[in-house]
All heavy atoms as atom14 arrays in JSON, in Angstrom:
{
  "sequence": "FIEKNYADPKLNVDILADHVGLSPSHIQSIFKTATGSTIS",
  "atom14_mask": [
    [1, 1, 1, 1, 1, 1, 1, 1, 1, 1, 1, 0, 0, 0],
    [1, 1, 1, 1, 1, 1, 1, 1, 0, 0, 0, 0, 0, 0],
    [1, 1, 1, 1, 1, 1, 1, 1, 1, 0, 0, 0, 0, 0],
    [1, 1, 1, 1, 1, 1, 1, 1, 1, 0, 0, 0, 0, 0],
    [1, 1, 1, 1, 1, 1, 1, 1, 0, 0, 0, 0, 0, 0],
    [1, 1, 1, 1, 1, 1, 1, 1, 1, 1, 1, 1, 0, 0],
    [1, 1, 1, 1, 1, 0, 0, 0, 0, 0, 0, 0, 0, 0],
    [1, 1, 1, 1, 1, 1, 1, 1, 0, 0, 0, 0, 0, 0],
    [1, 1, 1, 1, 1, 1, 1, 0, 0, 0, 0, 0, 0, 0],
    [1, 1, 1, 1, 1, 1, 1, 1, 1, 0, 0, 0, 0, 0],
    [1, 1, 1, 1, 1, 1, 1, 1, 0, 0, 0, 0, 0, 0],
    [1, 1, 1, 1, 1, 1, 1, 1, 0, 0, 0, 0, 0, 0],
    [1, 1, 1, 1, 1, 1, 1, 0, 0, 0, 0, 0, 0, 0],
    [1, 1, 1, 1, 1, 1, 1, 1, 0, 0, 0, 0, 0, 0],
    [1, 1, 1, 1, 1, 1, 1, 1, 0, 0, 0, 0, 0, 0],
    [1, 1, 1, 1, 1, 1, 1, 1, 0, 0, 0, 0, 0, 0],
    [1, 1, 1, 1, 1, 0, 0, 0, 0, 0, 0, 0, 0, 0],
    [1, 1, 1, 1, 1, 1, 1, 1, 0, 0, 0, 0, 0, 0],
    [1, 1, 1, 1, 1, 1, 1, 1, 1, 1, 0, 0, 0, 0],
    [1, 1, 1, 1, 1, 1, 1, 0, 0, 0, 0, 0, 0, 0],
    [1, 1, 1, 1, 0, 0, 0, 0, 0, 0, 0, 0, 0, 0],
    [1, 1, 1, 1, 1, 1, 1, 1, 0, 0, 0, 0, 0, 0],
    [1, 1, 1, 1, 1, 1, 0, 0, 0, 0, 0, 0, 0, 0],
    [1, 1, 1, 1, 1, 1, 1, 0, 0, 0, 0, 0, 0, 0],
    [1, 1, 1, 1, 1, 1, 0, 0, 0, 0, 0, 0, 0, 0],
    [1, 1, 1, 1, 1, 1, 1, 1, 1, 1, 0, 0, 0, 0],
    [1, 1, 1, 1, 1, 1, 1, 1, 0, 0, 0, 0, 0, 0],
    [1, 1, 1, 1, 1, 1, 1, 1, 1, 0, 0, 0, 0, 0],
    [1, 1, 1, 1, 1, 1, 0, 0, 0, 0, 0, 0, 0, 0],
    [1, 1, 1, 1, 1, 1, 1, 1, 0, 0, 0, 0, 0, 0],
    [1, 1, 1, 1, 1, 1, 1, 1, 1, 1, 1, 0, 0, 0],
    [1, 1, 1, 1, 1, 1, 1, 1, 1, 0, 0, 0, 0, 0],
    [1, 1, 1, 1, 1, 1, 1, 0, 0, 0, 0, 0, 0, 0],
    [1, 1, 1, 1, 1, 0, 0, 0, 0, 0, 0, 0, 0, 0],
    [1, 1, 1, 1, 1, 1, 1, 0, 0, 0, 0, 0, 0, 0],
    [1, 1, 1, 1, 0, 0, 0, 0, 0, 0, 0, 0, 0, 0],
    [1, 1, 1, 1, 1, 1, 0, 0, 0, 0, 0, 0, 0, 0],
    [1, 1, 1, 1, 1, 1, 1, 0, 0, 0, 0, 0, 0, 0],
    [1, 1, 1, 1, 1, 1, 1, 1, 0, 0, 0, 0, 0, 0],
    [1, 1, 1, 1, 1, 1, 0, 0, 0, 0, 0, 0, 0, 0]
  ],
  "atom14_positions": [
    [[8.88, -3.04, 19.93], [9.84, -3.41, 19.03], [11.09, -2.35, 18.95], [12.15, -2.79, 18.91], [9.31, -3.75, 17.56], [10.19, -4.46, 16.62], [10.32, -5.91, 16.64], [10.93, -3.82, 15.77], [11.09, -6.54, 15.89], [11.75, -4.4, 14.85], [11.9, -5.84, 14.94], [0.0, 0.0, 0.0], [0.0, 0.0, 0.0], [0.0, 0.0, 0.0]],
    [[10.6, -1.13, 18.86], [11.58, -0.12, 18.77], [12.47, -0.11, 20.09], [13.63, -0.03, 19.96], [10.97, 1.32, 18.66], [10.38, 1.44, 17.24], [11.93, 2.36, 18.96], [9.55, 2.66, 17.05], [0.0, 0.0, 0.0], [0.0, 0.0, 0.0], [0.0, 0.0, 0.0], [0.0, 0.0, 0.0], [0.0, 0.0, 0.0], [0.0, 0.0, 0.0]],
    [[11.78, -0.23, 21.34], [12.55, -0.22, 22.46], [13.54, -1.41, 22.58], [14.65, -1.21, 23.09], [11.52, -0.35, 23.67], [12.2, -0.2, 25.05], [12.72, 1.14, 25.41], [12.2, 2.1, 24.95], [13.73, 1.26, 26.07], [0.0, 0.0, 0.0], [0.0, 0.0, 0.0], [0.0, 0.0, 0.0], [0.0, 0.0, 0.0], [0.0, 0.0, 0.0]],
    [[13.11, -2.56, 22.09], [13.96, -3.77, 22.0], [15.22, -3.55, 21.05], [16.19, -4.27, 21.19], [13.21, -4.89, 21.88], [12.36, -5.31, 23.05], [11.46, -6.52, 22.73], [10.46, -6.76, 23.81], [9.39, -7.62, 23.36], [0.0, 0.0, 0.0], [0.0, 0.0, 0.0], [0.0, 0.0, 0.0], [0.0, 0.0, 0.0], [0.0, 0.0, 0.0]],
    [[14.9, -3.01, 19.9], [15.86, -2.93, 18.83], [16.44, -1.67, 18.46], [17.1, -1.53, 17.39], [15.11, -3.59, 17.65], [14.68, -4.97, 17.9], [15.54, -5.85, 17.86], [13.43, -5.23, 18.12], [0.0, 0.0, 0.0], [0.0, 0.0, 0.0], [0.0, 0.0, 0.0], [0.0, 0.0, 0.0], [0.0, 0.0, 0.0], [0.0, 0.0, 0.0]],
    [[16.32, -0.65, 19.3], [16.79, 0.67, 18.91], [18.3, 0.79, 18.62], [18.84, 1.6, 17.83], [16.41, 1.8, 19.94], [17.27, 1.64, 21.16], [18.54, 2.32, 21.29], [16.86, 0.89, 22.16], [19.21, 2.21, 22.45], [17.68, 0.75, 23.39], [18.75, 1.44, 23.5], [19.59, 1.27, 24.66], [0.0, 0.0, 0.0], [0.0, 0.0, 0.0]],
    [[19.1, -0.2, 19.21], [20.52, -0.13, 19.0], [20.91, -0.69, 17.66], [22.09, -0.51, 17.31], [21.11, -1.03, 20.1], [0.0, 0.0, 0.0], [0.0, 0.0, 0.0], [0.0, 0.0, 0.0], [0.0, 0.0, 0.0], [0.0, 0.0, 0.0], [0.0, 0.0, 0.0], [0.0, 0.0, 0.0], [0.0, 0.0, 0.0], [0.0, 0.0, 0.0]],
    [[20.02, -1.25, 16.88], [20.28, -1.7, 15.49], [20.29, -0.58, 14.58], [19.23, 0.01, 14.3], [19.29, -2.69, 15.01], [19.57, -3.3, 13.77], [20.51, -2.84, 13.08], [18.85, -4.28, 13.29], [0.0, 0.0, 0.0], [0.0, 0.0, 0.0], [0.0, 0.0, 0.0], [0.0, 0.0, 0.0], [0.0, 0.0, 0.0], [0.0, 0.0, 0.0]],
    [[21.41, -0.14, 14.02], [21.39, 1.01, 13.17], [20.51, 0.83, 11.89], [20.2, 1.76, 11.2], [22.83, 1.19, 12.81], [23.55, 0.04, 13.09], [22.72, -0.75, 14.21], [0.0, 0.0, 0.0], [0.0, 0.0, 0.0], [0.0, 0.0, 0.0], [0.0, 0.0, 0.0], [0.0, 0.0, 0.0], [0.0, 0.0, 0.0], [0.0, 0.0, 0.0]],
    [[20.24, -0.4, 11.61], [19.44, -0.75, 10.35], [18.04, -0.64, 10.63], [17.1, -0.85, 9.65], [19.91, -2.08, 9.76], [21.24, -2.14, 9.33], [21.5, -3.56, 8.87], [23.03, -3.43, 8.31], [23.54, -4.89, 8.13], [0.0, 0.0, 0.0], [0.0, 0.0, 0.0], [0.0, 0.0, 0.0], [0.0, 0.0, 0.0], [0.0, 0.0, 0.0]],
    [[17.53, -0.48, 11.91], [16.18, -0.34, 12.13], [15.47, 0.86, 11.44], [15.97, 1.91, 11.57], [15.93, -0.27, 13.74], [14.54, -0.1, 14.16], [13.79, -1.5, 13.86], [14.37, 0.15, 15.64], [0.0, 0.0, 0.0], [0.0, 0.0, 0.0], [0.0, 0.0, 0.0], [0.0, 0.0, 0.0], [0.0, 0.0, 0.0], [0.0, 0.0, 0.0]],
    [[14.38, 0.58, 10.72], [13.84, 1.64, 10.0], [12.29, 1.24, 9.78], [11.83, 0.17, 10.29], [14.44, 1.84, 8.63], [14.42, 0.66, 7.75], [13.59, -0.24, 7.77], [15.38, 0.57, 6.84], [0.0, 0.0, 0.0], [0.0, 0.0, 0.0], [0.0, 0.0, 0.0], [0.0, 0.0, 0.0], [0.0, 0.0, 0.0], [0.0, 0.0, 0.0]],
    [[11.57, 2.12, 9.19], [10.14, 1.94, 8.96], [9.78, 0.7, 8.28], [8.83, -0.05, 8.53], [9.53, 3.14, 8.18], [8.11, 2.97, 7.78], [9.71, 4.49, 9.09], [0.0, 0.0, 0.0], [0.0, 0.0, 0.0], [0.0, 0.0, 0.0], [0.0, 0.0, 0.0], [0.0, 0.0, 0.0], [0.0, 0.0, 0.0], [0.0, 0.0, 0.0]],
    [[10.63, 0.34, 7.22], [10.36, -0.92, 6.43], [10.45, -2.19, 7.36], [9.61, -3.08, 7.23], [11.4, -1.05, 5.26], [11.07, 0.01, 4.23], [9.96, 0.47, 4.02], [12.09, 0.3, 3.51], [0.0, 0.0, 0.0], [0.0, 0.0, 0.0], [0.0, 0.0, 0.0], [0.0, 0.0, 0.0], [0.0, 0.0, 0.0], [0.0, 0.0, 0.0]],
    [[11.45, -2.23, 8.32], [11.54, -3.29, 9.14], [10.48, -3.44, 10.15], [9.86, -4.47, 10.48], [12.87, -3.24, 9.91], [13.99, -3.54, 8.86], [12.95, -4.23, 11.09], [15.48, -3.24, 9.46], [0.0, 0.0, 0.0], [0.0, 0.0, 0.0], [0.0, 0.0, 0.0], [0.0, 0.0, 0.0], [0.0, 0.0, 0.0], [0.0, 0.0, 0.0]],
    [[9.96, -2.18, 10.61], [8.77, -2.16, 11.54], [7.49, -2.5, 10.8], [6.82, -3.23, 11.32], [8.58, -0.7, 12.06], [9.73, -0.3, 13.11], [9.72, 1.2, 13.31], [9.56, -1.03, 14.38], [0.0, 0.0, 0.0], [0.0, 0.0, 0.0], [0.0, 0.0, 0.0], [0.0, 0.0, 0.0], [0.0, 0.0, 0.0], [0.0, 0.0, 0.0]],
    [[7.37, -2.15, 9.62], [6.23, -2.5, 8.68], [6.11, -4.1, 8.54], [5.12, -4.66, 8.75], [6.21, -1.73, 7.42], [0.0, 0.0, 0.0], [0.0, 0.0, 0.0], [0.0, 0.0, 0.0], [0.0, 0.0, 0.0], [0.0, 0.0, 0.0], [0.0, 0.0, 0.0], [0.0, 0.0, 0.0], [0.0, 0.0, 0.0], [0.0, 0.0, 0.0]],
    [[7.33, -4.7, 8.23], [7.37, -6.1, 8.09], [6.99, -6.78, 9.44], [6.25, -7.84, 9.42], [8.81, -6.55, 7.76], [9.05, -6.24, 6.27], [8.11, -6.0, 5.51], [10.28, -6.25, 5.83], [0.0, 0.0, 0.0], [0.0, 0.0, 0.0], [0.0, 0.0, 0.0], [0.0, 0.0, 0.0], [0.0, 0.0, 0.0], [0.0, 0.0, 0.0]],
    [[7.56, -6.2, 10.48], [7.27, -6.81, 11.87], [5.71, -6.82, 12.15], [5.3, -7.93, 12.74], [8.02, -6.1, 12.88], [7.64, -6.46, 14.28], [8.19, -7.67, 14.76], [7.02, -5.96, 15.26], [7.74, -7.83, 16.04], [6.92, -6.78, 16.34], [0.0, 0.0, 0.0], [0.0, 0.0, 0.0], [0.0, 0.0, 0.0], [0.0, 0.0, 0.0]],
    [[5.09, -5.76, 11.82], [3.63, -5.82, 12.22], [2.7, -6.17, 11.04], [1.36, -6.29, 11.26], [3.15, -4.36, 12.66], [3.86, -4.16, 14.08], [3.3, -3.26, 11.8], [0.0, 0.0, 0.0], [0.0, 0.0, 0.0], [0.0, 0.0, 0.0], [0.0, 0.0, 0.0], [0.0, 0.0, 0.0], [0.0, 0.0, 0.0], [0.0, 0.0, 0.0]],
    [[3.34, -6.35, 9.91], [2.54, -6.82, 8.72], [1.61, -5.84, 8.06], [0.61, -6.1, 7.47], [0.0, 0.0, 0.0], [0.0, 0.0, 0.0], [0.0, 0.0, 0.0], [0.0, 0.0, 0.0], [0.0, 0.0, 0.0], [0.0, 0.0, 0.0], [0.0, 0.0, 0.0], [0.0, 0.0, 0.0], [0.0, 0.0, 0.0], [0.0, 0.0, 0.0]],
    [[2.04, -4.53, 8.11], [1.39, -3.48, 7.43], [2.33, -2.78, 6.54], [3.54, -2.92, 6.66], [0.85, -2.47, 8.54], [-0.21, -2.96, 9.43], [-0.48, -1.98, 10.61], [-1.5, -3.4, 8.77], [0.0, 0.0, 0.0], [0.0, 0.0, 0.0], [0.0, 0.0, 0.0], [0.0, 0.0, 0.0], [0.0, 0.0, 0.0], [0.0, 0.0, 0.0]],
    [[1.74, -1.9, 5.67], [2.74, -1.19, 4.69], [3.43, -0.03, 5.5], [2.89, 0.48, 6.52], [1.86, -0.46, 3.65], [0.99, 0.56, 4.07], [0.0, 0.0, 0.0], [0.0, 0.0, 0.0], [0.0, 0.0, 0.0], [0.0, 0.0, 0.0], [0.0, 0.0, 0.0], [0.0, 0.0, 0.0], [0.0, 0.0, 0.0], [0.0, 0.0, 0.0]],
    [[4.53, 0.38, 5.01], [5.35, 1.41, 5.72], [4.56, 2.73, 5.84], [4.44, 3.38, 6.86], [6.48, 1.65, 4.9], [6.76, 0.26, 4.18], [5.33, -0.33, 4.0], [0.0, 0.0, 0.0], [0.0, 0.0, 0.0], [0.0, 0.0, 0.0], [0.0, 0.0, 0.0], [0.0, 0.0, 0.0], [0.0, 0.0, 0.0], [0.0, 0.0, 0.0]],
    [[3.72, 3.04, 4.72], [2.99, 4.29, 4.81], [1.87, 4.17, 5.78], [1.57, 5.15, 6.51], [2.47, 4.66, 3.39], [1.62, 3.63, 2.93], [0.0, 0.0, 0.0], [0.0, 0.0, 0.0], [0.0, 0.0, 0.0], [0.0, 0.0, 0.0], [0.0, 0.0, 0.0], [0.0, 0.0, 0.0], [0.0, 0.0, 0.0], [0.0, 0.0, 0.0]],
    [[1.31, 3.07, 5.97], [0.11, 2.92, 6.89], [0.66, 2.99, 8.34], [0.05, 3.67, 9.15], [-0.55, 1.61, 6.65], [-1.85, 1.48, 7.46], [-2.84, 2.18, 7.28], [-2.09, 0.61, 8.49], [-3.85, 1.86, 8.13], [-3.38, 0.85, 8.89], [0.0, 0.0, 0.0], [0.0, 0.0, 0.0], [0.0, 0.0, 0.0], [0.0, 0.0, 0.0]],
    [[1.8, 2.37, 8.72], [2.31, 2.42, 10.05], [2.76, 3.8, 10.4], [2.59, 4.26, 11.49], [3.34, 1.4, 10.44], [4.65, 1.6, 9.73], [2.8, 0.01, 10.22], [5.8, 0.86, 10.33], [0.0, 0.0, 0.0], [0.0, 0.0, 0.0], [0.0, 0.0, 0.0], [0.0, 0.0, 0.0], [0.0, 0.0, 0.0], [0.0, 0.0, 0.0]],
    [[3.3, 4.46, 9.4], [3.78, 5.86, 9.69], [2.6, 6.7, 9.95], [2.6, 7.59, 10.83], [4.55, 6.42, 8.46], [5.86, 5.84, 8.3], [6.69, 6.35, 7.13], [7.36, 7.39, 7.44], [6.6, 5.9, 5.97], [0.0, 0.0, 0.0], [0.0, 0.0, 0.0], [0.0, 0.0, 0.0], [0.0, 0.0, 0.0], [0.0, 0.0, 0.0]],
    [[1.4, 6.51, 9.25], [0.27, 7.28, 9.43], [-0.39, 6.96, 10.84], [-0.7, 7.98, 11.59], [-0.78, 7.08, 8.36], [-1.96, 7.66, 8.57], [0.0, 0.0, 0.0], [0.0, 0.0, 0.0], [0.0, 0.0, 0.0], [0.0, 0.0, 0.0], [0.0, 0.0, 0.0], [0.0, 0.0, 0.0], [0.0, 0.0, 0.0], [0.0, 0.0, 0.0]],
    [[-0.59, 5.83, 11.2], [-1.09, 5.5, 12.49], [-0.22, 5.84, 13.65], [-0.6, 6.27, 14.74], [-1.59, 4.04, 12.61], [-0.46, 3.08, 12.5], [-2.72, 3.66, 11.54], [-0.9, 1.55, 12.86], [0.0, 0.0, 0.0], [0.0, 0.0, 0.0], [0.0, 0.0, 0.0], [0.0, 0.0, 0.0], [0.0, 0.0, 0.0], [0.0, 0.0, 0.0]],
    [[1.13, 5.74, 13.39], [2.03, 6.13, 14.46], [1.93, 7.59, 14.71], [1.89, 8.02, 15.88], [3.49, 5.67, 14.08], [4.44, 5.75, 15.22], [4.66, 4.67, 16.08], [5.29, 6.84, 15.34], [5.61, 4.79, 17.12], [6.11, 7.11, 16.46], [6.2, 5.88, 17.26], [0.0, 0.0, 0.0], [0.0, 0.0, 0.0], [0.0, 0.0, 0.0]],
    [[2.03, 8.34, 13.73], [1.9, 9.83, 13.83], [0.58, 10.25, 14.46], [0.49, 11.14, 15.34], [2.03, 10.5, 12.46], [1.85, 12.05, 12.47], [3.26, 12.61, 12.47], [3.05, 14.14, 12.46], [4.24, 14.8, 12.21], [0.0, 0.0, 0.0], [0.0, 0.0, 0.0], [0.0, 0.0, 0.0], [0.0, 0.0, 0.0], [0.0, 0.0, 0.0]],
    [[-0.5, 9.62, 14.16], [-1.81, 9.92, 14.76], [-1.79, 9.68, 16.26], [-2.22, 10.36, 17.0], [-2.92, 9.15, 14.03], [-2.91, 9.54, 12.8], [-4.3, 9.46, 14.62], [0.0, 0.0, 0.0], [0.0, 0.0, 0.0], [0.0, 0.0, 0.0], [0.0, 0.0, 0.0], [0.0, 0.0, 0.0], [0.0, 0.0, 0.0], [0.0, 0.0, 0.0]],
    [[-1.2, 8.53, 16.55], [-1.21, 7.99, 18.02], [-0.22, 8.76, 18.83], [-0.47, 8.92, 20.11], [-1.02, 6.49, 18.0], [0.0, 0.0, 0.0], [0.0, 0.0, 0.0], [0.0, 0.0, 0.0], [0.0, 0.0, 0.0], [0.0, 0.0, 0.0], [0.0, 0.0, 0.0], [0.0, 0.0, 0.0], [0.0, 0.0, 0.0], [0.0, 0.0, 0.0]],
    [[0.98, 9.09, 18.29], [1.96, 9.58, 19.19], [2.31, 11.12, 18.85], [2.94, 11.71, 19.7], [3.28, 8.9, 18.96], [3.76, 9.16, 17.66], [3.21, 7.38, 19.23], [0.0, 0.0, 0.0], [0.0, 0.0, 0.0], [0.0, 0.0, 0.0], [0.0, 0.0, 0.0], [0.0, 0.0, 0.0], [0.0, 0.0, 0.0], [0.0, 0.0, 0.0]],
    [[1.87, 11.59, 17.82], [2.17, 12.92, 17.37], [3.55, 13.14, 16.78], [4.1, 14.22, 16.63], [0.0, 0.0, 0.0], [0.0, 0.0, 0.0], [0.0, 0.0, 0.0], [0.0, 0.0, 0.0], [0.0, 0.0, 0.0], [0.0, 0.0, 0.0], [0.0, 0.0, 0.0], [0.0, 0.0, 0.0], [0.0, 0.0, 0.0], [0.0, 0.0, 0.0]],
    [[4.26, 12.05, 16.64], [5.66, 11.99, 16.17], [5.68, 11.08, 14.99], [5.1, 10.08, 14.91], [6.55, 11.53, 17.28], [7.86, 11.51, 16.82], [0.0, 0.0, 0.0], [0.0, 0.0, 0.0], [0.0, 0.0, 0.0], [0.0, 0.0, 0.0], [0.0, 0.0, 0.0], [0.0, 0.0, 0.0], [0.0, 0.0, 0.0], [0.0, 0.0, 0.0]],
    [[6.77, 11.34, 14.18], [7.05, 10.41, 13.14], [7.89, 9.21, 13.64], [8.52, 9.41, 14.83], [7.96, 10.93, 11.91], [9.16, 11.47, 12.52], [7.12, 12.18, 11.32], [0.0, 0.0, 0.0], [0.0, 0.0, 0.0], [0.0, 0.0, 0.0], [0.0, 0.0, 0.0], [0.0, 0.0, 0.0], [0.0, 0.0, 0.0], [0.0, 0.0, 0.0]],
    [[7.96, 8.07, 13.11], [8.68, 6.91, 13.6], [10.12, 7.34, 13.62], [10.88, 7.08, 14.6], [8.44, 5.73, 12.77], [7.0, 5.16, 12.97], [9.47, 4.65, 13.15], [6.62, 4.09, 12.07], [0.0, 0.0, 0.0], [0.0, 0.0, 0.0], [0.0, 0.0, 0.0], [0.0, 0.0, 0.0], [0.0, 0.0, 0.0], [0.0, 0.0, 0.0]],
    [[10.71, 7.92, 12.58], [12.1, 8.32, 12.68], [12.45, 9.24, 13.62], [13.55, 9.21, 14.25], [12.62, 8.68, 11.26], [11.85, 9.95, 10.78], [0.0, 0.0, 0.0], [0.0, 0.0, 0.0], [0.0, 0.0, 0.0], [0.0, 0.0, 0.0], [0.0, 0.0, 0.0], [0.0, 0.0, 0.0], [0.0, 0.0, 0.0], [0.0, 0.0, 0.0]]
  ]
}
């Protein structure tokens, strides 16, 4: 989703959370664990 939509300046954690159906804090946690990086 990030790769397809990075050009949208409004893309943020809330939009990603809505996209996958999880809370923003949960996707930030699993993203950081999986990639070693924050979403932002």
